[in-house]
PDB file of all heavy atoms in Angstrom:
ATOM      1  N   GLY A   1       9.889  -9.475  -3.528  1.00  0.00           N
ATOM      2  CA  GLY A   1       8.842 -10.136  -2.656  1.00  0.00           C
ATOM      3  C   GLY A   1       8.947  -9.598  -1.175  1.00  0.00           C
ATOM      4  O   GLY A   1       8.231 -10.112  -0.417  1.00  0.00           O
ATOM      5  N   THR A   2       9.756  -8.638  -0.946  1.00  0.00           N
ATOM      6  CA  THR A   2       9.752  -7.989   0.421  1.00  0.00           C
ATOM      7  C   THR A   2       8.900  -6.730   0.454  1.00  0.00           C
ATOM      8  O   THR A   2       8.693  -6.112  -0.634  1.00  0.00           O
ATOM      9  CB  THR A   2      11.212  -7.583   0.867  1.00  0.00           C
ATOM     10  OG1 THR A   2      11.705  -6.594  -0.081  1.00  0.00           O
ATOM     11  CG2 THR A   2      12.086  -8.850   0.942  1.00  0.00           C
ATOM     12  N   TRP A   3       8.406  -6.405   1.675  1.00  0.00           N
ATOM     13  CA  TRP A   3       7.526  -5.255   1.826  1.00  0.00           C
ATOM     14  C   TRP A   3       7.788  -4.478   3.043  1.00  0.00           C
ATOM     15  O   TRP A   3       8.670  -4.972   3.967  1.00  0.00           O
ATOM     16  CB  TRP A   3       6.154  -5.683   1.827  1.00  0.00           C
ATOM     17  CG  TRP A   3       5.653  -6.590   2.790  1.00  0.00           C
ATOM     18  CD1 TRP A   3       5.270  -6.208   4.137  1.00  0.00           C
ATOM     19  CD2 TRP A   3       5.708  -7.974   2.897  1.00  0.00           C
ATOM     20  NE1 TRP A   3       5.094  -7.265   4.951  1.00  0.00           N
ATOM     21  CE2 TRP A   3       5.347  -8.426   4.207  1.00  0.00           C
ATOM     22  CE3 TRP A   3       6.113  -8.935   2.044  1.00  0.00           C
ATOM     23  CZ2 TRP A   3       5.210  -9.712   4.559  1.00  0.00           C
ATOM     24  CZ3 TRP A   3       5.970 -10.284   2.347  1.00  0.00           C
ATOM     25  CH2 TRP A   3       5.634 -10.721   3.628  1.00  0.00           C
ATOM     26  N   HIS A   4       7.163  -3.372   3.304  1.00  0.00           N
ATOM     27  CA  HIS A   4       7.291  -2.751   4.558  1.00  0.00           C
ATOM     28  C   HIS A   4       5.879  -2.131   4.876  1.00  0.00           C
ATOM     29  O   HIS A   4       5.235  -1.695   3.914  1.00  0.00           O
ATOM     30  CB  HIS A   4       8.282  -1.585   4.457  1.00  0.00           C
ATOM     31  CG  HIS A   4       8.470  -0.845   5.804  1.00  0.00           C
ATOM     32  ND1 HIS A   4       9.327  -1.299   6.764  1.00  0.00           N
ATOM     33  CD2 HIS A   4       7.824   0.260   6.271  1.00  0.00           C
ATOM     34  CE1 HIS A   4       9.297  -0.478   7.720  1.00  0.00           C
ATOM     35  NE2 HIS A   4       8.447   0.466   7.542  1.00  0.00           N
ATOM     36  N   GLY A   5       5.438  -2.245   6.092  1.00  0.00           N
ATOM     37  CA  GLY A   5       4.148  -1.647   6.481  1.00  0.00           C
ATOM     38  C   GLY A   5       3.041  -2.637   6.779  1.00  0.00           C
ATOM     39  O   GLY A   5       3.426  -3.836   6.904  1.00  0.00           O
ATOM     40  N   ASN A   6       1.893  -2.096   6.935  1.00  0.00           N
ATOM     41  CA  ASN A   6       0.786  -2.826   7.382  1.00  0.00           C
ATOM     42  C   ASN A   6       0.213  -3.653   6.222  1.00  0.00           C
ATOM     43  O   ASN A   6       0.340  -3.209   5.009  1.00  0.00           O
ATOM     44  CB  ASN A   6      -0.401  -1.937   7.974  1.00  0.00           C
ATOM     45  CG  ASN A   6       0.146  -1.301   9.215  1.00  0.00           C
ATOM     46  OD1 ASN A   6       0.857  -1.878   9.897  1.00  0.00           O
ATOM     47  ND2 ASN A   6      -0.204  -0.005   9.362  1.00  0.00           N
ATOM     48  N   PRO A   7      -0.575  -4.682   6.461  1.00  0.00           N
ATOM     49  CA  PRO A   7      -1.242  -5.409   5.428  1.00  0.00           C
ATOM     50  C   PRO A   7      -2.420  -4.647   4.839  1.00  0.00           C
ATOM     51  O   PRO A   7      -2.844  -3.682   5.593  1.00  0.00           O
ATOM     52  CB  PRO A   7      -1.783  -6.667   6.142  1.00  0.00           C
ATOM     53  CG  PRO A   7      -1.923  -6.332   7.605  1.00  0.00           C
ATOM     54  CD  PRO A   7      -0.786  -5.311   7.819  1.00  0.00           C
ATOM     55  N   LEU A   8      -2.797  -4.999   3.715  1.00  0.00           N
ATOM     56  CA  LEU A   8      -4.061  -4.244   3.092  1.00  0.00           C
ATOM     57  C   LEU A   8      -5.252  -4.698   3.917  1.00  0.00           C
ATOM     58  O   LEU A   8      -5.288  -5.851   4.501  1.00  0.00           O
ATOM     59  CB  LEU A   8      -4.237  -4.767   1.659  1.00  0.00           C
ATOM     60  CG  LEU A   8      -3.088  -4.330   0.746  1.00  0.00           C
ATOM     61  CD1 LEU A   8      -3.184  -4.987  -0.619  1.00  0.00           C
ATOM     62  CD2 LEU A   8      -2.971  -2.866   0.649  1.00  0.00           C
ATOM     63  N   ASP A   9      -6.183  -3.813   3.937  1.00  0.00           N
ATOM     64  CA  ASP A   9      -7.518  -4.044   4.733  1.00  0.00           C
ATOM     65  C   ASP A   9      -8.515  -4.737   3.879  1.00  0.00           C
ATOM     66  O   ASP A   9      -8.974  -4.261   2.875  1.00  0.00           O
ATOM     67  CB  ASP A   9      -8.029  -2.711   5.203  1.00  0.00           C
ATOM     68  CG  ASP A   9      -9.196  -2.728   6.142  1.00  0.00           C
ATOM     69  OD1 ASP A   9      -9.857  -3.765   6.204  1.00  0.00           O
ATOM     70  OD2 ASP A   9      -9.360  -1.775   6.872  1.00  0.00           O
ATOM     71  N   HIS A  10      -8.839  -5.932   4.313  1.00  0.00           N
ATOM     72  CA  HIS A  10      -9.765  -6.879   3.506  1.00  0.00           C
ATOM     73  C   HIS A  10     -11.129  -6.121   3.468  1.00  0.00           C
ATOM     74  O   HIS A  10     -11.903  -6.466   2.492  1.00  0.00           O
ATOM     75  CB  HIS A  10      -9.939  -8.220   4.251  1.00  0.00           C
ATOM     76  CG  HIS A  10      -8.854  -9.096   3.827  1.00  0.00           C
ATOM     77  ND1 HIS A  10      -8.777  -9.810   2.703  1.00  0.00           N
ATOM     78  CD2 HIS A  10      -7.675  -9.369   4.524  1.00  0.00           C
ATOM     79  CE1 HIS A  10      -7.648 -10.579   2.731  1.00  0.00           C
ATOM     80  NE2 HIS A  10      -6.899 -10.298   3.734  1.00  0.00           N
ATOM     81  N   ASP A  11     -11.585  -5.369   4.415  1.00  0.00           N
ATOM     82  CA  ASP A  11     -12.877  -4.617   4.342  1.00  0.00           C
ATOM     83  C   ASP A  11     -12.914  -3.683   3.179  1.00  0.00           C
ATOM     84  O   ASP A  11     -13.915  -3.560   2.473  1.00  0.00           O
ATOM     85  CB  ASP A  11     -13.125  -3.913   5.620  1.00  0.00           C
ATOM     86  CG  ASP A  11     -13.463  -4.861   6.796  1.00  0.00           C
ATOM     87  OD1 ASP A  11     -13.828  -5.977   6.570  1.00  0.00           O
ATOM     88  OD2 ASP A  11     -13.264  -4.465   8.012  1.00  0.00           O
ATOM     89  N   PHE A  12     -11.786  -3.080   2.852  1.00  0.00           N
ATOM     90  CA  PHE A  12     -11.772  -2.143   1.742  1.00  0.00           C
ATOM     91  C   PHE A  12     -11.922  -2.890   0.460  1.00  0.00           C
ATOM     92  O   PHE A  12     -12.503  -2.443  -0.468  1.00  0.00           O
ATOM     93  CB  PHE A  12     -10.426  -1.454   1.629  1.00  0.00           C
ATOM     94  CG  PHE A  12     -10.217  -0.385   2.725  1.00  0.00           C
ATOM     95  CD1 PHE A  12      -8.950   0.303   2.988  1.00  0.00           C
ATOM     96  CD2 PHE A  12     -11.295  -0.004   3.511  1.00  0.00           C
ATOM     97  CE1 PHE A  12      -8.821   1.258   3.855  1.00  0.00           C
ATOM     98  CE2 PHE A  12     -11.125   1.108   4.435  1.00  0.00           C
ATOM     99  CZ  PHE A  12      -9.852   1.678   4.633  1.00  0.00           C
ATOM    100  N   ASP A  13     -11.444  -4.133   0.324  1.00  0.00           N
ATOM    101  CA  ASP A  13     -11.477  -4.875  -0.870  1.00  0.00           C
ATOM    102  C   ASP A  13     -12.890  -5.191  -1.179  1.00  0.00           C
ATOM    103  O   ASP A  13     -13.359  -5.364  -2.308  1.00  0.00           O
ATOM    104  CB  ASP A  13     -10.674  -6.122  -0.833  1.00  0.00           C
ATOM    105  CG  ASP A  13     -10.556  -6.888  -2.134  1.00  0.00           C
ATOM    106  OD1 ASP A  13     -10.497  -6.212  -3.181  1.00  0.00           O
ATOM    107  OD2 ASP A  13     -10.678  -8.166  -2.112  1.00  0.00           O
ATOM    108  N   ARG A  14     -13.692  -5.462  -0.154  1.00  0.00           N
ATOM    109  CA  ARG A  14     -15.171  -5.834  -0.433  1.00  0.00           C
ATOM    110  C   ARG A  14     -16.030  -4.709  -0.552  1.00  0.00           C
ATOM    111  O   ARG A  14     -16.986  -4.718  -1.256  1.00  0.00           O
ATOM    112  CB  ARG A  14     -15.560  -6.755   0.766  1.00  0.00           C
ATOM    113  CG  ARG A  14     -15.040  -8.143   0.809  1.00  0.00           C
ATOM    114  CD  ARG A  14     -15.732  -8.943   1.806  1.00  0.00           C
ATOM    115  NE  ARG A  14     -15.598  -8.392   3.237  1.00  0.00           N
ATOM    116  CZ  ARG A  14     -14.547  -8.662   3.969  1.00  0.00           C
ATOM    117  NH1 ARG A  14     -13.655  -9.539   3.593  1.00  0.00           N
ATOM    118  NH2 ARG A  14     -14.542  -8.192   5.120  1.00  0.00           N
ATOM    119  N   ASP A  15     -15.848  -3.650   0.285  1.00  0.00           N
ATOM    120  CA  ASP A  15     -16.863  -2.590   0.443  1.00  0.00           C
ATOM    121  C   ASP A  15     -16.711  -1.334  -0.428  1.00  0.00           C
ATOM    122  O   ASP A  15     -17.787  -0.866  -0.798  1.00  0.00           O
ATOM    123  CB  ASP A  15     -16.791  -2.124   1.941  1.00  0.00           C
ATOM    124  CG  ASP A  15     -17.161  -3.282   2.909  1.00  0.00           C
ATOM    125  OD1 ASP A  15     -17.822  -4.213   2.462  1.00  0.00           O
ATOM    126  OD2 ASP A  15     -16.780  -3.081   4.091  1.00  0.00           O
ATOM    127  N   ASP A  16     -15.542  -0.915  -0.738  1.00  0.00           N
ATOM    128  CA  ASP A  16     -15.408   0.349  -1.482  1.00  0.00           C
ATOM    129  C   ASP A  16     -14.188   0.390  -2.401  1.00  0.00           C
ATOM    130  O   ASP A  16     -13.099   0.416  -1.942  1.00  0.00           O
ATOM    131  CB  ASP A  16     -15.347   1.499  -0.395  1.00  0.00           C
ATOM    132  CG  ASP A  16     -15.339   2.766  -1.081  1.00  0.00           C
ATOM    133  OD1 ASP A  16     -15.164   2.973  -2.365  1.00  0.00           O
ATOM    134  OD2 ASP A  16     -15.605   3.870  -0.337  1.00  0.00           O
ATOM    135  N   PRO A  17     -14.464   0.206  -3.673  1.00  0.00           N
ATOM    136  CA  PRO A  17     -13.322   0.270  -4.558  1.00  0.00           C
ATOM    137  C   PRO A  17     -12.312   1.432  -4.402  1.00  0.00           C
ATOM    138  O   PRO A  17     -11.120   1.286  -4.553  1.00  0.00           O
ATOM    139  CB  PRO A  17     -13.965   0.275  -6.011  1.00  0.00           C
ATOM    140  CG  PRO A  17     -15.302  -0.281  -5.759  1.00  0.00           C
ATOM    141  CD  PRO A  17     -15.736   0.030  -4.388  1.00  0.00           C
ATOM    142  N   ALA A  18     -12.882   2.599  -4.091  1.00  0.00           N
ATOM    143  CA  ALA A  18     -11.946   3.745  -3.958  1.00  0.00           C
ATOM    144  C   ALA A  18     -11.120   3.538  -2.703  1.00  0.00           C
ATOM    145  O   ALA A  18      -9.928   3.981  -2.684  1.00  0.00           O
ATOM    146  CB  ALA A  18     -12.897   5.094  -3.782  1.00  0.00           C
ATOM    147  N   ASP A  19     -11.728   2.995  -1.577  1.00  0.00           N
ATOM    148  CA  ASP A  19     -10.854   2.819  -0.420  1.00  0.00           C
ATOM    149  C   ASP A  19      -9.788   1.742  -0.741  1.00  0.00           C
ATOM    150  O   ASP A  19      -8.649   1.928  -0.232  1.00  0.00           O
ATOM    151  CB  ASP A  19     -11.724   2.423   0.739  1.00  0.00           C
ATOM    152  CG  ASP A  19     -12.401   3.635   1.428  1.00  0.00           C
ATOM    153  OD1 ASP A  19     -12.085   4.869   1.121  1.00  0.00           O
ATOM    154  OD2 ASP A  19     -13.413   3.349   2.165  1.00  0.00           O
ATOM    155  N   ALA A  20     -10.194   0.784  -1.497  1.00  0.00           N
ATOM    156  CA  ALA A  20      -9.293  -0.358  -1.776  1.00  0.00           C
ATOM    157  C   ALA A  20      -8.080   0.176  -2.528  1.00  0.00           C
ATOM    158  O   ALA A  20      -6.919  -0.108  -2.389  1.00  0.00           O
ATOM    159  CB  ALA A  20      -9.912  -1.406  -2.527  1.00  0.00           C
ATOM    160  N   PHE A  21      -8.454   1.086  -3.521  1.00  0.00           N
ATOM    161  CA  PHE A  21      -7.371   1.758  -4.445  1.00  0.00           C
ATOM    162  C   PHE A  21      -6.411   2.588  -3.540  1.00  0.00           C
ATOM    163  O   PHE A  21      -5.296   2.455  -3.691  1.00  0.00           O
ATOM    164  CB  PHE A  21      -8.051   2.580  -5.444  1.00  0.00           C
ATOM    165  CG  PHE A  21      -7.129   3.153  -6.585  1.00  0.00           C
ATOM    166  CD1 PHE A  21      -6.441   2.369  -7.432  1.00  0.00           C
ATOM    167  CD2 PHE A  21      -6.835   4.502  -6.469  1.00  0.00           C
ATOM    168  CE1 PHE A  21      -5.588   2.847  -8.359  1.00  0.00           C
ATOM    169  CE2 PHE A  21      -5.960   5.027  -7.485  1.00  0.00           C
ATOM    170  CZ  PHE A  21      -5.355   4.273  -8.374  1.00  0.00           C
ATOM    171  N   ALA A  22      -7.047   3.399  -2.648  1.00  0.00           N
ATOM    172  CA  ALA A  22      -6.191   4.268  -1.761  1.00  0.00           C
ATOM    173  C   ALA A  22      -5.330   3.421  -0.935  1.00  0.00           C
ATOM    174  O   ALA A  22      -4.057   3.719  -0.760  1.00  0.00           O
ATOM    175  CB  ALA A  22      -7.120   5.256  -0.972  1.00  0.00           C
ATOM    176  N   ASP A  23      -5.817   2.344  -0.265  1.00  0.00           N
ATOM    177  CA  ASP A  23      -5.096   1.432   0.524  1.00  0.00           C
ATOM    178  C   ASP A  23      -3.904   0.823  -0.229  1.00  0.00           C
ATOM    179  O   ASP A  23      -2.740   0.795   0.271  1.00  0.00           O
ATOM    180  CB  ASP A  23      -5.894   0.346   1.069  1.00  0.00           C
ATOM    181  CG  ASP A  23      -5.374  -0.302   2.238  1.00  0.00           C
ATOM    182  OD1 ASP A  23      -4.690   0.292   3.023  1.00  0.00           O
ATOM    183  OD2 ASP A  23      -5.772  -1.560   2.494  1.00  0.00           O
ATOM    184  N   VAL A  24      -4.070   0.373  -1.506  1.00  0.00           N
ATOM    185  CA  VAL A  24      -3.014  -0.095  -2.385  1.00  0.00           C
ATOM    186  C   VAL A  24      -1.906   0.964  -2.652  1.00  0.00           C
ATOM    187  O   VAL A  24      -0.712   0.738  -2.509  1.00  0.00           O
ATOM    188  CB  VAL A  24      -3.519  -0.806  -3.538  1.00  0.00           C
ATOM    189  CG1 VAL A  24      -2.422  -1.133  -4.546  1.00  0.00           C
ATOM    190  CG2 VAL A  24      -4.362  -1.999  -3.195  1.00  0.00           C
ATOM    191  N   VAL A  25      -2.408   2.181  -2.963  1.00  0.00           N
ATOM    192  CA  VAL A  25      -1.426   3.250  -3.333  1.00  0.00           C
ATOM    193  C   VAL A  25      -0.558   3.555  -2.091  1.00  0.00           C
ATOM    194  O   VAL A  25       0.677   3.579  -2.229  1.00  0.00           O
ATOM    195  CB  VAL A  25      -2.179   4.443  -3.843  1.00  0.00           C
ATOM    196  CG1 VAL A  25      -1.214   5.659  -3.960  1.00  0.00           C
ATOM    197  CG2 VAL A  25      -2.945   4.204  -5.165  1.00  0.00           C
ATOM    198  N   ASP A  26      -1.223   3.663  -0.884  1.00  0.00           N
ATOM    199  CA  ASP A  26      -0.391   4.009   0.261  1.00  0.00           C
ATOM    200  C   ASP A  26       0.574   2.823   0.579  1.00  0.00           C
ATOM    201  O   ASP A  26       1.722   3.138   0.930  1.00  0.00           O
ATOM    202  CB  ASP A  26      -1.345   4.185   1.435  1.00  0.00           C
ATOM    203  CG  ASP A  26      -2.106   5.466   1.524  1.00  0.00           C
ATOM    204  OD1 ASP A  26      -1.599   6.394   0.916  1.00  0.00           O
ATOM    205  OD2 ASP A  26      -3.145   5.461   2.099  1.00  0.00           O
ATOM    206  N   ALA A  27       0.197   1.598   0.556  1.00  0.00           N
ATOM    207  CA  ALA A  27       1.010   0.457   0.778  1.00  0.00           C
ATOM    208  C   ALA A  27       2.166   0.302  -0.182  1.00  0.00           C
ATOM    209  O   ALA A  27       3.365   0.060   0.078  1.00  0.00           O
ATOM    210  CB  ALA A  27       0.206  -0.819   0.859  1.00  0.00           C
ATOM    211  N   ALA A  28       1.794   0.599  -1.506  1.00  0.00           N
ATOM    212  CA  ALA A  28       2.832   0.567  -2.553  1.00  0.00           C
ATOM    213  C   ALA A  28       3.873   1.661  -2.284  1.00  0.00           C
ATOM    214  O   ALA A  28       5.204   1.338  -2.352  1.00  0.00           O
ATOM    215  CB  ALA A  28       2.190   0.796  -3.887  1.00  0.00           C
ATOM    216  N   GLN A  29       3.471   2.887  -1.995  1.00  0.00           N
ATOM    217  CA  GLN A  29       4.515   3.934  -1.788  1.00  0.00           C
ATOM    218  C   GLN A  29       5.337   3.537  -0.545  1.00  0.00           C
ATOM    219  O   GLN A  29       6.601   3.710  -0.531  1.00  0.00           O
ATOM    220  CB  GLN A  29       3.846   5.266  -1.556  1.00  0.00           C
ATOM    221  CG  GLN A  29       4.839   6.365  -1.406  1.00  0.00           C
ATOM    222  CD  GLN A  29       4.291   7.756  -1.233  1.00  0.00           C
ATOM    223  OE1 GLN A  29       3.226   7.796  -0.492  1.00  0.00           O
ATOM    224  NE2 GLN A  29       4.843   8.605  -1.818  1.00  0.00           N
ATOM    225  N   GLU A  30       4.745   3.013   0.501  1.00  0.00           N
ATOM    226  CA  GLU A  30       5.528   2.749   1.692  1.00  0.00           C
ATOM    227  C   GLU A  30       6.587   1.616   1.366  1.00  0.00           C
ATOM    228  O   GLU A  30       7.688   1.701   1.891  1.00  0.00           O
ATOM    229  CB  GLU A  30       4.550   2.303   2.852  1.00  0.00           C
ATOM    230  CG  GLU A  30       5.358   2.130   4.154  1.00  0.00           C
ATOM    231  CD  GLU A  30       4.474   2.004   5.387  1.00  0.00           C
ATOM    232  OE1 GLU A  30       3.230   1.965   5.196  1.00  0.00           O
ATOM    233  OE2 GLU A  30       5.025   1.921   6.481  1.00  0.00           O
ATOM    234  N   SER A  31       6.085   0.634   0.581  1.00  0.00           N
ATOM    235  CA  SER A  31       7.076  -0.562   0.399  1.00  0.00           C
ATOM    236  C   SER A  31       8.268  -0.022  -0.539  1.00  0.00           C
ATOM    237  O   SER A  31       9.450  -0.288  -0.317  1.00  0.00           O
ATOM    238  CB  SER A  31       6.436  -1.660  -0.236  1.00  0.00           C
ATOM    239  OG  SER A  31       5.690  -2.436   0.707  1.00  0.00           O
ATOM    240  N   VAL A  32       7.919   0.869  -1.474  1.00  0.00           N
ATOM    241  CA  VAL A  32       8.966   1.285  -2.361  1.00  0.00           C
ATOM    242  C   VAL A  32       9.981   2.222  -1.635  1.00  0.00           C
ATOM    243  O   VAL A  32      11.252   2.066  -1.677  1.00  0.00           O
ATOM    244  CB  VAL A  32       8.466   2.149  -3.623  1.00  0.00           C
ATOM    245  CG1 VAL A  32       9.494   2.902  -4.269  1.00  0.00           C
ATOM    246  CG2 VAL A  32       7.639   1.186  -4.481  1.00  0.00           C
ATOM    247  N   VAL A  33       9.394   3.116  -0.897  1.00  0.00           N
ATOM    248  CA  VAL A  33      10.239   4.096  -0.059  1.00  0.00           C
ATOM    249  C   VAL A  33      11.216   3.351   0.899  1.00  0.00           C
ATOM    250  O   VAL A  33      12.365   3.581   0.987  1.00  0.00           O
ATOM    251  CB  VAL A  33       9.386   5.037   0.629  1.00  0.00           C
ATOM    252  CG1 VAL A  33      10.175   5.927   1.688  1.00  0.00           C
ATOM    253  CG2 VAL A  33       8.770   6.060  -0.399  1.00  0.00           C
ATOM    254  N   GLU A  34      10.602   2.427   1.648  1.00  0.00           N
ATOM    255  CA  GLU A  34      11.329   1.724   2.790  1.00  0.00           C
ATOM    256  C   GLU A  34      12.238   0.581   2.232  1.00  0.00           C
ATOM    257  O   GLU A  34      13.293   0.395   2.757  1.00  0.00           O
ATOM    258  CB  GLU A  34      10.372   1.184   3.797  1.00  0.00           C
ATOM    259  CG  GLU A  34       9.682   2.322   4.596  1.00  0.00           C
ATOM    260  CD  GLU A  34      10.483   3.186   5.365  1.00  0.00           C
ATOM    261  OE1 GLU A  34      11.634   2.665   5.820  1.00  0.00           O
ATOM    262  OE2 GLU A  34      10.188   4.422   5.634  1.00  0.00           O
ATOM    263  N   ARG A  35      11.829  -0.066   1.275  1.00  0.00           N
ATOM    264  CA  ARG A  35      12.641  -1.246   0.711  1.00  0.00           C
ATOM    265  C   ARG A  35      13.777  -0.746  -0.164  1.00  0.00           C
ATOM    266  O   ARG A  35      14.746  -1.315  -0.273  1.00  0.00           O
ATOM    267  CB  ARG A  35      11.856  -2.249   0.112  1.00  0.00           C
ATOM    268  CG  ARG A  35      10.747  -2.915   1.034  1.00  0.00           C
ATOM    269  CD  ARG A  35      11.379  -3.617   2.253  1.00  0.00           C
ATOM    270  NE  ARG A  35      12.361  -4.577   1.892  1.00  0.00           N
ATOM    271  CZ  ARG A  35      13.337  -4.982   2.645  1.00  0.00           C
ATOM    272  NH1 ARG A  35      13.418  -4.551   3.836  1.00  0.00           N
ATOM    273  NH2 ARG A  35      14.258  -5.841   2.259  1.00  0.00           N
ATOM    274  N   LEU A  36      13.506   0.306  -1.015  1.00  0.00           N
ATOM    275  CA  LEU A  36      14.451   0.838  -1.861  1.00  0.00           C
ATOM    276  C   LEU A  36      15.243   1.939  -1.371  1.00  0.00           C
ATOM    277  O   LEU A  36      16.231   2.449  -2.050  1.00  0.00           O
ATOM    278  CB  LEU A  36      13.754   1.185  -3.169  1.00  0.00           C
ATOM    279  CG  LEU A  36      13.059   0.092  -3.951  1.00  0.00           C
ATOM    280  CD1 LEU A  36      12.441   0.648  -5.262  1.00  0.00           C
ATOM    281  CD2 LEU A  36      13.819  -1.146  -4.190  1.00  0.00           C
ATOM    282  N   TRP A  37      14.791   2.507  -0.279  1.00  0.00           N
ATOM    283  CA  TRP A  37      15.529   3.577   0.485  1.00  0.00           C
ATOM    284  C   TRP A  37      15.639   4.789  -0.365  1.00  0.00           C
ATOM    285  O   TRP A  37      16.701   5.386  -0.568  1.00  0.00           O
ATOM    286  CB  TRP A  37      16.914   3.112   0.953  1.00  0.00           C
ATOM    287  CG  TRP A  37      16.842   2.322   2.196  1.00  0.00           C
ATOM    288  CD1 TRP A  37      16.750   0.969   2.200  1.00  0.00           C
ATOM    289  CD2 TRP A  37      16.723   2.751   3.492  1.00  0.00           C
ATOM    290  NE1 TRP A  37      16.560   0.491   3.555  1.00  0.00           N
ATOM    291  CE2 TRP A  37      16.618   1.610   4.371  1.00  0.00           C
ATOM    292  CE3 TRP A  37      16.800   4.019   4.151  1.00  0.00           C
ATOM    293  CZ2 TRP A  37      16.562   1.723   5.746  1.00  0.00           C
ATOM    294  CZ3 TRP A  37      16.685   4.071   5.532  1.00  0.00           C
ATOM    295  CH2 TRP A  37      16.529   2.913   6.387  1.00  0.00           C
ATOM    296  N   GLN A  38      14.502   5.161  -0.857  1.00  0.00           N
ATOM    297  CA  GLN A  38      14.404   6.434  -1.717  1.00  0.00           C
ATOM    298  C   GLN A  38      13.090   6.937  -1.806  1.00  0.00           C
ATOM    299  O   GLN A  38      11.994   6.269  -1.666  1.00  0.00           O
ATOM    300  CB  GLN A  38      14.938   6.250  -3.055  1.00  0.00           C
ATOM    301  CG  GLN A  38      14.101   5.169  -3.991  1.00  0.00           C
ATOM    302  CD  GLN A  38      14.750   4.944  -5.321  1.00  0.00           C
ATOM    303  OE1 GLN A  38      15.728   4.278  -5.376  1.00  0.00           O
ATOM    304  NE2 GLN A  38      14.176   5.571  -6.391  1.00  0.00           N
ATOM    305  N   ALA A  39      12.955   8.287  -1.938  1.00  0.00           N
ATOM    306  CA  ALA A  39      11.648   8.941  -2.006  1.00  0.00           C
ATOM    307  C   ALA A  39      11.101   8.454  -3.318  1.00  0.00           C
ATOM    308  O   ALA A  39      11.746   8.352  -4.334  1.00  0.00           O
ATOM    309  CB  ALA A  39      11.736  10.395  -1.920  1.00  0.00           C
ATOM    310  N   TRP A  40       9.755   8.172  -3.387  1.00  0.00           N
ATOM    311  CA  TRP A  40       8.995   7.828  -4.542  1.00  0.00           C
ATOM    312  C   TRP A  40       7.558   8.097  -4.437  1.00  0.00           C
ATOM    313  O   TRP A  40       7.048   7.831  -3.408  1.00  0.00           O
ATOM    314  CB  TRP A  40       9.244   6.350  -4.951  1.00  0.00           C
ATOM    315  CG  TRP A  40       8.466   5.944  -6.115  1.00  0.00           C
ATOM    316  CD1 TRP A  40       8.974   6.165  -7.408  1.00  0.00           C
ATOM    317  CD2 TRP A  40       7.250   5.346  -6.169  1.00  0.00           C
ATOM    318  NE1 TRP A  40       7.956   5.704  -8.284  1.00  0.00           N
ATOM    319  CE2 TRP A  40       6.887   5.204  -7.618  1.00  0.00           C
ATOM    320  CE3 TRP A  40       6.290   4.970  -5.296  1.00  0.00           C
ATOM    321  CZ2 TRP A  40       5.737   4.675  -7.995  1.00  0.00           C
ATOM    322  CZ3 TRP A  40       5.126   4.438  -5.711  1.00  0.00           C
ATOM    323  CH2 TRP A  40       4.831   4.217  -7.083  1.00  0.00           C
ATOM    324  N   PRO A  41       6.928   8.649  -5.529  1.00  0.00           N
ATOM    325  CA  PRO A  41       7.555   9.169  -6.628  1.00  0.00           C
ATOM    326  C   PRO A  41       8.099  10.576  -6.455  1.00  0.00           C
ATOM    327  O   PRO A  41       7.676  11.264  -5.478  1.00  0.00           O
ATOM    328  CB  PRO A  41       6.411   9.197  -7.648  1.00  0.00           C
ATOM    329  CG  PRO A  41       5.294   9.352  -6.859  1.00  0.00           C
ATOM    330  CD  PRO A  41       5.497   8.615  -5.608  1.00  0.00           C
TER     331      PRO A  41
END
């Protein structure tokens, strides 16, 4: 339940599925890298 980084952008969720996807990928990588202290993937 812990994370690192900025919140997801609500405008991306409504306006552009590709931007929403990219936002989630970036946020996921940042949380994994910073919370688990390892490069991923």
